[in-house]
Amino acid sequence: MNTCIIIDDEQHIVELLAGYVNKTPHLELKKTFNNPLQALDYLDKNKDIDLVFIDINMEELSGLEFVRIKNGQHKFIMVTAFEEYAIQGYENDIVDYLLKPVTFERFMTAMGKFNRRNNVGNSNTPKLVKDFLFVKGDQKGKYLKVKLNEVLYIEGLKNYVSISFVNNKLTTLMNMKDLEFTLMNSGFIRIHRSFIVSISKIAAFNGGHLKLEGSDRLFPIGESYKEQLMKVLEI
């Protein structure tokens, strides 16, 4: 799990980026700042922060000045409304440069660059092998095999997830963001902060709910996940 902070003097941008971070696997938001000097003090005391999202135009200290001060200690993704600063940003070896207003798709492109630099997802993620997954069992050192083509849906339960099949379910210690990352390109999609479903088992849906084959349950579709679901289903 990588950690990050957000620095921007516009609170609505901070909230937007925080929402994106919370939907991103293997990324934990530690703190947000509107004042870069406070953020600088925080990083001096918390050197284990992996990634910093930072605005370029701020009164007390510009993003570029901030990066030069902390050069080499953290990775940076710069955020600004002014495209002309991009070259200066890249000269300081930033990961990426996001132009406001930042879309989630563009945000994820930047995270892809960060992940490739850091080889994210290889150490603490359950191993995906072909069409099955091993998850922790109810005893120390015990792992259970889950055949992905038998899974209907996965429900998040705080630090646990419940994996449901047609006739049974199992609960394992895992978080939804890591599991979403693990199941990427494996026929699953997240439709809500609490639900990941098998795409092939989607039977019907309307604007706000979805039904799966083999389940009588009606699943909510989160507003922030709806657009991606429509793309996957080619609607």
Protein backbone atom coordinates (compact mmCIF):
# COMPACT_ATOMS: atom_id res chain seq x y z
CA MET A 1 0.00 0.00 0.00
CA ASN A 2 1.40 3.39 -1.03
CA THR A 3 0.63 6.56 0.92
CA CYS A 4 -0.06 10.05 -0.40
CA ILE A 5 -1.00 13.60 0.54
CA ILE A 6 -2.77 16.35 -1.42
CA ILE A 7 -1.70 20.00 -1.43
CA ASP A 8 -3.92 22.58 -3.12
CA ASP A 9 -5.24 25.95 -1.98
CA GLU A 10 -8.56 25.27 -3.70
CA GLN A 11 -10.63 23.08 -1.37
CA HIS A 12 -12.92 21.76 -4.12
CA ILE A 13 -9.84 20.40 -5.96
CA VAL A 14 -8.63 18.78 -2.75
CA GLU A 15 -12.01 17.08 -2.33
CA LEU A 16 -12.08 15.97 -5.97
CA LEU A 17 -8.63 14.39 -5.77
CA ALA A 18 -9.40 12.82 -2.40
CA GLY A 19 -12.42 11.13 -3.95
CA TYR A 20 -10.26 9.77 -6.76
CA VAL A 21 -7.62 8.51 -4.33
CA ASN A 22 -10.26 6.67 -2.29
CA LYS A 23 -11.26 4.74 -5.41
CA THR A 24 -7.69 3.82 -6.34
CA PRO A 25 -6.24 0.43 -5.34
CA HIS A 26 -3.01 0.39 -3.32
CA LEU A 27 -3.20 4.09 -2.48
CA GLU A 28 -4.00 5.53 0.95
CA LEU A 29 -4.63 9.21 1.59
CA LYS A 30 -2.87 10.30 4.78
CA LYS A 31 -3.61 14.03 4.89
CA THR A 32 -4.70 17.04 2.82
CA PHE A 33 -3.42 20.61 2.95
CA ASN A 34 -4.45 24.02 1.65
CA ASN A 35 -1.21 25.55 2.94
CA PRO A 36 2.06 24.26 1.37
CA LEU A 37 4.17 25.38 4.36
CA GLN A 38 2.12 23.15 6.66
CA ALA A 39 2.55 20.31 4.18
CA LEU A 40 6.31 20.87 4.09
CA ASP A 41 6.46 20.60 7.87
CA TYR A 42 4.35 17.42 7.75
CA LEU A 43 6.67 15.78 5.21
CA ASP A 44 9.72 16.69 7.28
CA LYS A 45 8.19 14.60 10.07
CA ASN A 46 6.67 11.88 7.84
CA LYS A 47 9.32 10.88 5.33
CA ASP A 48 7.53 7.64 4.40
CA ILE A 49 4.92 9.40 2.22
CA ASP A 50 5.28 7.93 -1.26
CA LEU A 51 3.33 10.32 -3.47
CA VAL A 52 2.39 14.01 -3.32
CA PHE A 53 -0.33 15.63 -5.42
CA ILE A 54 0.52 19.32 -5.52
CA ASP A 55 -0.86 22.46 -7.11
CA ILE A 56 1.68 24.69 -8.88
CA ASN A 57 0.19 28.15 -8.21
CA MET A 58 0.05 28.80 -4.46
CA GLU A 59 0.83 32.03 -2.65
CA GLU A 60 3.12 30.93 0.20
CA LEU A 61 5.21 28.51 -1.85
CA SER A 62 4.77 27.41 -5.45
CA GLY A 63 4.50 23.74 -6.33
CA LEU A 64 7.72 23.91 -8.32
CA GLU A 65 9.60 25.45 -5.38
CA PHE A 66 8.12 22.78 -3.12
CA VAL A 67 9.33 19.99 -5.44
CA ARG A 68 12.84 21.46 -5.57
CA ILE A 69 13.00 21.57 -1.76
CA LYS A 70 11.89 17.94 -1.43
CA ASN A 71 13.71 16.73 -4.55
CA GLY A 72 14.25 12.97 -4.54
CA GLN A 73 12.46 12.34 -1.23
CA HIS A 74 8.97 11.74 -2.66
CA LYS A 75 7.24 11.21 -6.01
CA PHE A 76 5.13 14.14 -7.27
CA ILE A 77 2.09 14.54 -9.51
CA MET A 78 1.54 18.21 -10.28
CA VAL A 79 -1.92 19.74 -10.68
CA THR A 80 -2.56 23.13 -12.27
CA ALA A 81 -4.86 25.12 -14.52
CA PHE A 82 -1.91 26.42 -16.57
CA GLU A 83 -0.51 24.16 -19.27
CA GLU A 84 2.66 26.20 -19.75
CA TYR A 85 4.14 24.88 -16.49
CA ALA A 86 4.30 21.30 -17.76
CA ILE A 87 7.87 21.49 -19.12
CA GLN A 88 9.20 22.91 -15.84
CA GLY A 89 7.45 20.12 -14.01
CA TYR A 90 8.97 17.38 -16.13
CA GLU A 91 12.41 18.96 -15.75
CA ASN A 92 12.05 18.24 -12.04
CA ASP A 93 11.34 14.55 -12.74
CA ILE A 94 7.70 14.58 -11.66
CA VAL A 95 5.58 11.49 -12.33
CA ASP A 96 2.91 13.34 -14.30
CA TYR A 97 1.21 16.66 -14.86
CA LEU A 98 -2.58 16.99 -14.48
CA LEU A 99 -4.45 19.88 -16.03
CA LYS A 100 -7.53 21.16 -14.17
CA PRO A 101 -10.33 20.21 -14.28
CA VAL A 102 -8.96 16.72 -13.63
CA THR A 103 -11.07 13.78 -14.84
CA PHE A 104 -10.94 10.39 -13.15
CA GLU A 105 -9.75 8.79 -16.41
CA ARG A 106 -6.79 11.19 -16.62
CA PHE A 107 -6.09 10.70 -12.91
CA MET A 108 -5.88 6.92 -13.42
CA THR A 109 -3.49 7.42 -16.34
CA ALA A 110 -1.19 9.32 -13.98
CA MET A 111 -1.52 6.56 -11.39
CA GLY A 112 -0.55 4.03 -14.05
CA LYS A 113 2.70 5.93 -14.56
CA PHE A 114 3.31 6.00 -10.82
CA ASN A 115 2.57 2.27 -10.49
CA ARG A 116 4.98 1.40 -13.30
CA ARG A 117 7.73 3.39 -11.59
CA ASN A 118 7.10 1.63 -8.31
CA ASN A 119 6.02 -1.81 -9.55
CA VAL A 120 2.87 -1.53 -7.42
CA GLY A 121 0.75 -4.56 -6.72
CA ASN A 122 3.34 -7.34 -6.68
CA SER A 123 4.12 -7.83 -3.01
CA ASN A 124 1.01 -7.65 -0.81
CA THR A 125 -1.64 -8.53 -3.37
CA PRO A 126 -3.26 -11.98 -3.48
CA LYS A 127 -1.76 -13.87 -6.40
CA LEU A 128 -3.95 -14.27 -9.47
CA VAL A 129 -3.13 -17.41 -11.46
CA LYS A 130 -5.05 -18.05 -14.68
CA ASP A 131 -8.74 -18.35 -13.78
CA PHE A 132 -8.50 -18.70 -10.00
CA LEU A 133 -7.42 -16.80 -6.92
CA PHE A 134 -6.02 -17.87 -3.56
CA VAL A 135 -7.38 -16.04 -0.49
CA LYS A 136 -6.65 -16.33 3.22
CA GLY A 137 -8.64 -18.96 5.10
CA ASP A 138 -9.86 -19.03 8.70
CA GLN A 139 -6.57 -20.45 10.04
CA LYS A 140 -3.06 -19.00 10.01
CA GLY A 141 -1.17 -20.10 6.92
CA LYS A 142 -4.28 -21.56 5.28
CA TYR A 143 -5.30 -20.38 1.79
CA LEU A 144 -8.45 -21.24 -0.13
CA LYS A 145 -8.80 -21.54 -3.88
CA VAL A 146 -11.52 -19.43 -5.50
CA LYS A 147 -12.54 -20.27 -9.08
CA LEU A 148 -13.34 -16.91 -10.63
CA ASN A 149 -15.93 -18.25 -13.09
CA GLU A 150 -18.03 -19.40 -10.10
CA VAL A 151 -18.06 -16.02 -8.34
CA LEU A 152 -21.25 -13.95 -8.57
CA TYR A 153 -20.25 -10.90 -6.56
CA ILE A 154 -17.99 -9.61 -3.81
CA GLU A 155 -19.18 -7.42 -0.95
CA GLY A 156 -16.94 -5.19 1.13
CA LEU A 157 -17.25 -5.54 4.92
CA LYS A 158 -14.77 -3.01 6.36
CA ASN A 159 -11.45 -4.94 6.48
CA TYR A 160 -13.04 -8.11 5.10
CA VAL A 161 -14.77 -9.12 1.90
CA SER A 162 -17.54 -11.65 1.36
CA ILE A 163 -17.19 -13.65 -1.88
CA SER A 164 -20.55 -15.03 -3.00
CA PHE A 165 -21.23 -18.03 -5.24
CA VAL A 166 -24.57 -19.52 -6.35
CA ASN A 167 -24.97 -21.74 -3.29
CA ASN A 168 -22.45 -20.49 -0.75
CA LYS A 169 -20.08 -17.71 0.25
CA LEU A 170 -16.78 -17.22 2.08
CA THR A 171 -15.37 -14.30 4.04
CA THR A 172 -11.68 -13.41 3.96
CA LEU A 173 -9.38 -10.69 5.29
CA MET A 174 -8.87 -8.34 2.33
CA ASN A 175 -9.88 -4.83 1.33
CA MET A 176 -11.94 -3.87 -1.70
CA LYS A 177 -9.34 -1.63 -3.33
CA ASP A 178 -6.70 -4.38 -3.38
CA LEU A 179 -9.20 -6.94 -4.66
CA GLU A 180 -10.44 -4.57 -7.37
CA PHE A 181 -6.84 -4.17 -8.54
CA THR A 182 -6.24 -7.93 -8.45
CA LEU A 183 -9.35 -8.65 -10.53
CA MET A 184 -8.58 -5.99 -13.11
CA ASN A 185 -9.06 -7.45 -16.64
CA SER A 186 -10.47 -10.68 -15.15
CA GLY A 187 -14.14 -10.17 -15.97
CA PHE A 188 -15.18 -8.20 -12.88
CA ILE A 189 -16.23 -4.60 -12.35
CA ARG A 190 -16.82 -2.46 -9.30
CA ILE A 191 -20.31 -0.96 -9.38
CA HIS A 192 -20.48 0.52 -5.87
CA ARG A 193 -18.09 1.23 -3.00
CA SER A 194 -19.38 -2.03 -1.44
CA PHE A 195 -19.78 -4.30 -4.49
CA ILE A 196 -17.71 -5.91 -7.25
CA VAL A 197 -19.69 -8.12 -9.65
CA SER A 198 -19.00 -10.66 -12.40
CA ILE A 199 -19.66 -8.94 -15.73
CA SER A 200 -20.76 -12.16 -17.44
CA LYS A 201 -23.44 -12.74 -14.79
CA ILE A 202 -25.17 -9.37 -15.16
CA ALA A 203 -28.78 -10.20 -16.07
CA ALA A 204 -30.46 -6.78 -16.10
CA PHE A 205 -30.17 -3.27 -14.75
CA ASN A 206 -31.78 0.14 -14.70
CA GLY A 207 -30.26 3.52 -13.94
CA GLY A 208 -29.66 2.82 -10.28
CA HIS A 209 -29.71 -0.95 -9.69
CA LEU A 210 -28.41 -4.16 -11.17
CA LYS A 211 -29.48 -7.82 -11.07
CA LEU A 212 -27.25 -10.89 -11.40
CA GLU A 213 -28.01 -14.37 -12.70
CA GLY A 214 -28.22 -16.78 -9.77
CA SER A 215 -29.07 -14.13 -7.19
CA ASP A 216 -32.35 -12.58 -6.06
CA ARG A 217 -30.52 -9.60 -4.64
CA LEU A 218 -30.80 -6.13 -6.19
CA PHE A 219 -27.43 -4.34 -6.26
CA PRO A 220 -27.05 -0.55 -6.14
CA ILE A 221 -24.99 1.19 -8.83
CA GLY A 222 -22.89 4.01 -7.38
CA GLU A 223 -23.05 7.27 -9.31
CA SER A 224 -19.26 7.48 -9.64
CA TYR A 225 -19.08 3.94 -11.09
CA LYS A 226 -21.96 4.24 -13.56
CA GLU A 227 -20.02 5.72 -16.48
CA GLN A 228 -17.39 2.96 -16.46
CA LEU A 229 -20.11 0.30 -16.22
CA MET A 230 -21.82 1.73 -19.30
CA LYS A 231 -18.53 1.63 -21.20
CA VAL A 232 -17.84 -1.98 -20.26
CA LEU A 233 -21.33 -3.05 -21.29
CA GLU A 234 -21.02 -0.96 -24.50
CA ILE A 235 -24.22 0.95 -23.85
